[in-house]
Amino acid sequence: MWIVGLVLVAVGVAGFLAAQRVRARRHAMIAAETLPIAELEEHQRTLADLGTAGGFRKVCEVVGAAHPHPEGPLRAPQSGTECVWYRQTVVHRYSESYRDSDGDWQRRERSETVLDETSRQGYALVDSSGIIGVDPNGVAPDRPEKIHERFVPGAPGPGGFVNALQGFTGQGSSDSLGMTYTEWVIRPGRPLYVLGEVHDRIGPLVIGKPESSSDHFIVSTRSEEELRNDAVGHQRWFAWGGAALAVVGLVLTVVGLVS
């Protein structure tokens, strides 16, 4: 019983820490200014006039519409959808034999992700006053559009993912069930909320992941109000749930040790 109690205490502490992270994220959104791109450009010009070109730094929020990179929009690999950002996954589903607690052979279904790829090319954000670059830095946006999901039954053909699958289909006790292909995108014109650090290290203004690890980087298809409301709910759930589990865990630990 005391072991179960300690596990519950650990889960409760993890819930409390998660609540603190959500709280910090929400407070970062509350504290940051939402600035038009033209105002950021004006601040940059002022610093440049003072002889500090390339030294502009400002943690803030920018809201606008997604706009493709100067080289043109991307194409999502699976569907060919025009986009500024994409993520694709390939999950292998298979069945395998295993012995249960009685030593009898059983079958169960398992899955393994054999590909999880995110585009890294930058794009831009456009508002009514100007345009600013966005450096995603490999960070996936919040709530991208899921545009494609397809399950292809059977074993994969020659090449492709065969080498990746050998690790879990090489034994005779495993049978391939098929592959699930899924894709998410941000299309050109999609409204975005971005909280990050605006800088001019490469010349034009770009918003990306802040240099300080204590500052937050958020790219979302939801508005700031939606994100903050969602954070309040998650913070309460983690805090109260974590506290309840910790209390129950302490009681079970004490009872287990005493008895």
Protein backbone atom coordinates (compact mmCIF):
# COMPACT_ATOMS: atom_id res chain seq x y z
CA MET A 1 0.00 0.00 0.00
CA TRP A 2 2.82 2.42 0.84
CA ILE A 3 4.31 1.92 -2.63
CA VAL A 4 1.01 2.92 -4.24
CA GLY A 5 0.93 5.89 -1.90
CA LEU A 6 4.38 7.07 -2.96
CA VAL A 7 3.43 6.73 -6.62
CA LEU A 8 0.33 8.89 -6.03
CA VAL A 9 2.41 11.49 -4.21
CA ALA A 10 4.84 11.61 -7.15
CA VAL A 11 1.97 12.01 -9.63
CA GLY A 12 0.49 14.73 -7.44
CA VAL A 13 3.78 16.64 -7.38
CA ALA A 14 4.02 16.30 -11.17
CA GLY A 15 0.50 17.76 -11.45
CA PHE A 16 1.48 20.71 -9.26
CA LEU A 17 4.59 21.39 -11.39
CA ALA A 18 2.48 21.17 -14.57
CA ALA A 19 0.08 23.72 -13.09
CA GLN A 20 3.01 26.07 -12.43
CA ARG A 21 4.20 25.75 -16.04
CA VAL A 22 0.72 26.51 -17.37
CA ARG A 23 0.47 29.47 -14.99
CA ALA A 24 3.83 30.85 -16.19
CA ARG A 25 2.72 30.49 -19.80
CA ARG A 26 -0.56 32.33 -19.12
CA HIS A 27 1.19 35.12 -17.23
CA ALA A 28 3.66 35.51 -20.12
CA MET A 29 0.72 36.15 -22.47
CA ILE A 30 -0.82 38.63 -20.01
CA ALA A 31 2.45 40.53 -19.59
CA ALA A 32 3.40 40.75 -23.27
CA GLU A 33 2.25 43.65 -25.43
CA THR A 34 0.43 43.00 -28.70
CA LEU A 35 2.13 45.33 -31.17
CA PRO A 36 1.40 46.16 -34.81
CA ILE A 37 4.25 45.37 -37.18
CA ALA A 38 4.59 49.02 -38.22
CA GLU A 39 5.31 50.02 -34.61
CA LEU A 40 8.01 47.36 -34.33
CA GLU A 41 9.57 48.67 -37.54
CA GLU A 42 9.54 52.18 -36.12
CA HIS A 43 11.37 50.99 -32.97
CA GLN A 44 13.92 49.24 -35.19
CA ARG A 45 14.52 52.38 -37.25
CA THR A 46 14.99 54.45 -34.10
CA LEU A 47 17.69 52.10 -32.84
CA ALA A 48 19.33 52.02 -36.29
CA ASP A 49 19.47 55.84 -36.30
CA LEU A 50 21.30 55.64 -32.96
CA GLY A 51 23.90 53.36 -34.52
CA THR A 52 22.70 50.02 -33.11
CA ALA A 53 21.60 48.30 -36.31
CA GLY A 54 21.07 44.58 -35.72
CA GLY A 55 20.63 45.05 -31.99
CA PHE A 56 16.83 45.26 -31.78
CA ARG A 57 15.21 42.83 -29.31
CA LYS A 58 11.61 42.87 -28.14
CA VAL A 59 9.52 40.11 -26.55
CA CYS A 60 5.94 40.76 -27.62
CA GLU A 61 2.88 39.38 -29.37
CA VAL A 62 2.10 39.78 -33.06
CA VAL A 63 -1.21 38.86 -34.67
CA GLY A 64 -1.67 38.48 -38.41
CA ALA A 65 -2.20 36.15 -41.35
CA ALA A 66 0.28 33.48 -42.41
CA HIS A 67 2.17 34.36 -45.58
CA PRO A 68 4.55 32.11 -47.59
CA HIS A 69 8.33 32.39 -47.66
CA PRO A 70 9.72 34.57 -50.50
CA GLU A 71 10.69 31.36 -52.32
CA GLY A 72 7.03 30.39 -52.41
CA PRO A 73 4.65 28.20 -50.42
CA LEU A 74 5.46 24.67 -49.33
CA ARG A 75 3.61 21.56 -50.47
CA ALA A 76 2.55 19.08 -47.82
CA PRO A 77 4.34 15.79 -48.72
CA GLN A 78 1.35 13.44 -48.52
CA SER A 79 -1.54 15.51 -49.85
CA GLY A 80 0.27 18.16 -51.89
CA THR A 81 -1.67 20.90 -50.06
CA GLU A 82 -0.21 24.40 -50.40
CA CYS A 83 0.95 25.61 -46.99
CA VAL A 84 3.52 27.63 -45.03
CA TRP A 85 4.14 24.85 -42.48
CA TYR A 86 3.42 21.14 -42.31
CA ARG A 87 3.87 18.10 -40.11
CA GLN A 88 3.54 14.53 -41.30
CA THR A 89 3.58 11.27 -39.37
CA VAL A 90 3.63 7.63 -40.42
CA VAL A 91 2.59 5.07 -37.81
CA HIS A 92 3.06 1.34 -38.29
CA ARG A 93 0.40 -0.89 -36.75
CA TYR A 94 1.23 -4.53 -36.17
CA SER A 95 0.22 -7.51 -34.07
CA GLU A 96 2.59 -9.60 -32.00
CA SER A 97 2.60 -12.73 -29.87
CA TYR A 98 3.31 -12.54 -26.15
CA ARG A 99 2.97 -14.72 -23.06
CA ASP A 100 0.44 -13.65 -20.44
CA SER A 101 0.85 -14.07 -16.69
CA ASP A 102 -0.28 -17.70 -16.97
CA GLY A 103 2.33 -18.47 -19.60
CA ASP A 104 -0.22 -18.77 -22.43
CA TRP A 105 0.44 -17.25 -25.85
CA GLN A 106 -1.78 -14.27 -26.74
CA ARG A 107 -1.92 -11.71 -29.57
CA ARG A 108 -2.00 -7.94 -29.15
CA GLU A 109 -1.93 -4.93 -31.44
CA ARG A 110 0.91 -2.42 -31.16
CA SER A 111 1.95 0.70 -33.01
CA GLU A 112 5.25 2.45 -33.67
CA THR A 113 5.87 5.89 -35.18
CA VAL A 114 8.34 5.41 -38.02
CA LEU A 115 8.27 9.01 -39.30
CA ASP A 116 7.48 12.30 -37.57
CA GLU A 117 8.65 15.20 -39.73
CA THR A 118 8.05 18.93 -39.35
CA SER A 119 8.94 21.59 -41.93
CA ARG A 120 11.60 24.02 -40.78
CA GLN A 121 11.33 26.71 -43.47
CA GLY A 122 10.36 30.12 -42.18
CA TYR A 123 7.30 32.04 -43.30
CA ALA A 124 5.82 35.46 -42.61
CA LEU A 125 3.04 37.15 -40.72
CA VAL A 126 1.06 39.99 -42.30
CA ASP A 127 -1.15 42.52 -40.53
CA SER A 128 -2.75 45.73 -41.77
CA SER A 129 0.47 47.67 -41.16
CA GLY A 130 3.23 45.47 -42.50
CA ILE A 131 4.95 42.09 -42.74
CA ILE A 132 7.33 40.26 -40.39
CA GLY A 133 9.23 36.99 -40.74
CA VAL A 134 8.48 34.00 -38.52
CA ASP A 135 11.24 31.56 -37.56
CA PRO A 136 9.44 28.39 -36.35
CA ASN A 137 12.72 26.86 -35.11
CA GLY A 138 11.21 23.39 -35.37
CA VAL A 139 8.48 24.24 -32.84
CA ALA A 140 5.07 22.85 -33.76
CA PRO A 141 2.22 25.40 -33.68
CA ASP A 142 -0.79 25.02 -31.43
CA ARG A 143 -3.87 23.54 -33.14
CA PRO A 144 -2.75 23.27 -36.78
CA GLU A 145 -5.31 22.06 -39.31
CA LYS A 146 -5.46 18.28 -39.69
CA ILE A 147 -6.08 17.73 -43.39
CA HIS A 148 -5.16 14.12 -44.07
CA GLU A 149 -5.38 10.74 -42.34
CA ARG A 150 -5.30 7.48 -44.25
CA PHE A 151 -4.79 3.90 -43.15
CA VAL A 152 -3.22 1.58 -45.71
CA PRO A 153 -3.67 -2.06 -44.68
CA GLY A 154 -1.08 -4.78 -45.20
CA ALA A 155 2.70 -4.86 -45.16
CA PRO A 156 4.60 -2.00 -46.86
CA GLY A 157 6.10 -2.67 -50.26
CA PRO A 158 9.80 -2.74 -51.17
CA GLY A 159 11.85 0.28 -50.05
CA GLY A 160 10.26 3.19 -48.23
CA PHE A 161 9.84 2.28 -44.60
CA VAL A 162 10.89 -1.38 -44.87
CA ASN A 163 14.24 -0.80 -43.18
CA ALA A 164 12.59 1.17 -40.37
CA LEU A 165 10.10 -1.65 -39.83
CA GLN A 166 12.59 -4.47 -39.67
CA GLY A 167 13.20 -3.80 -36.01
CA PHE A 168 9.67 -4.83 -35.08
CA THR A 169 8.58 -7.06 -37.96
CA GLY A 170 11.74 -9.08 -38.35
CA GLN A 171 10.55 -11.78 -35.97
CA GLY A 172 8.03 -14.36 -37.07
CA SER A 173 5.80 -13.52 -34.10
CA SER A 174 4.93 -10.10 -35.55
CA ASP A 175 2.54 -9.38 -38.42
CA SER A 176 2.15 -6.01 -40.11
CA LEU A 177 -1.42 -4.66 -40.10
CA GLY A 178 -0.74 -1.51 -42.07
CA MET A 179 0.40 2.10 -41.99
CA THR A 180 -1.46 5.25 -40.90
CA TYR A 181 -0.45 8.43 -42.75
CA THR A 182 -1.43 11.74 -41.11
CA GLU A 183 -0.76 15.35 -42.01
CA TRP A 184 -1.31 18.80 -40.46
CA VAL A 185 -0.75 22.19 -42.11
CA ILE A 186 -0.98 25.93 -41.75
CA ARG A 187 -2.38 27.33 -44.98
CA PRO A 188 -1.50 30.76 -46.38
CA GLY A 189 -3.89 33.37 -44.99
CA ARG A 190 -4.55 31.49 -41.75
CA PRO A 191 -4.84 33.93 -38.78
CA LEU A 192 -2.04 33.32 -36.27
CA TYR A 193 -1.12 34.51 -32.80
CA VAL A 194 2.62 34.58 -32.09
CA LEU A 195 4.36 35.32 -28.80
CA GLY A 196 8.12 35.45 -29.15
CA GLU A 197 11.17 37.67 -29.50
CA VAL A 198 11.31 40.11 -32.40
CA HIS A 199 14.86 40.78 -33.62
CA ASP A 200 16.77 42.12 -36.63
CA ARG A 201 19.89 39.93 -36.44
CA ILE A 202 19.61 39.08 -40.15
CA GLY A 203 18.37 42.51 -41.24
CA PRO A 204 14.57 42.37 -41.66
CA LEU A 205 12.44 41.91 -38.55
CA VAL A 206 11.82 38.31 -37.53
CA ILE A 207 9.86 36.88 -34.59
CA GLY A 208 11.07 33.58 -33.19
CA LYS A 209 12.10 31.67 -30.11
CA PRO A 210 13.54 34.02 -27.45
CA GLU A 211 17.21 33.74 -26.53
CA SER A 212 16.27 33.56 -22.84
CA SER A 213 14.96 30.13 -21.83
CA SER A 214 12.64 31.81 -19.32
CA ASP A 215 10.69 33.52 -22.12
CA HIS A 216 7.97 31.67 -23.99
CA PHE A 217 7.53 31.00 -27.70
CA ILE A 218 3.95 30.34 -28.84
CA VAL A 219 2.58 30.03 -32.37
CA SER A 220 -1.13 29.29 -32.41
CA THR A 221 -4.13 29.26 -34.71
CA ARG A 222 -6.19 30.26 -31.67
CA SER A 223 -6.55 33.78 -30.32
CA GLU A 224 -4.83 34.99 -27.15
CA GLU A 225 -8.18 35.02 -25.34
CA GLU A 226 -8.83 31.38 -26.27
CA LEU A 227 -5.34 30.37 -25.16
CA ARG A 228 -5.62 32.17 -21.84
CA ASN A 229 -9.06 30.74 -21.08
CA ASP A 230 -7.80 27.26 -21.91
CA ALA A 231 -4.78 27.79 -19.65
CA VAL A 232 -6.99 28.74 -16.71
CA GLY A 233 -8.92 25.46 -17.00
CA HIS A 234 -5.77 23.37 -17.32
CA GLN A 235 -4.10 25.14 -14.41
CA ARG A 236 -7.04 24.42 -12.09
CA TRP A 237 -7.27 20.80 -13.22
CA PHE A 238 -3.57 20.15 -12.67
CA ALA A 239 -3.47 22.01 -9.34
CA TRP A 240 -6.57 20.51 -7.74
CA GLY A 241 -6.02 17.06 -9.22
CA GLY A 242 -2.39 17.04 -8.14
CA ALA A 243 -3.26 18.18 -4.61
CA ALA A 244 -5.95 15.50 -4.27
CA LEU A 245 -3.64 12.73 -5.46
CA ALA A 246 -0.85 13.90 -3.16
CA VAL A 247 -3.15 13.88 -0.12
CA VAL A 248 -4.49 10.41 -0.93
CA GLY A 249 -0.95 9.21 -1.53
CA LEU A 250 0.25 10.53 1.82
CA VAL A 251 -2.63 8.82 3.63
CA LEU A 252 -1.93 5.49 1.89
CA THR A 253 1.80 5.81 2.62
CA VAL A 254 1.25 6.45 6.32
CA VAL A 255 -1.34 3.66 6.64
CA GLY A 256 0.91 1.25 4.77
CA LEU A 257 3.95 2.00 6.91
CA VAL A 258 2.01 1.87 10.19
CA SER A 259 0.25 -1.38 9.37
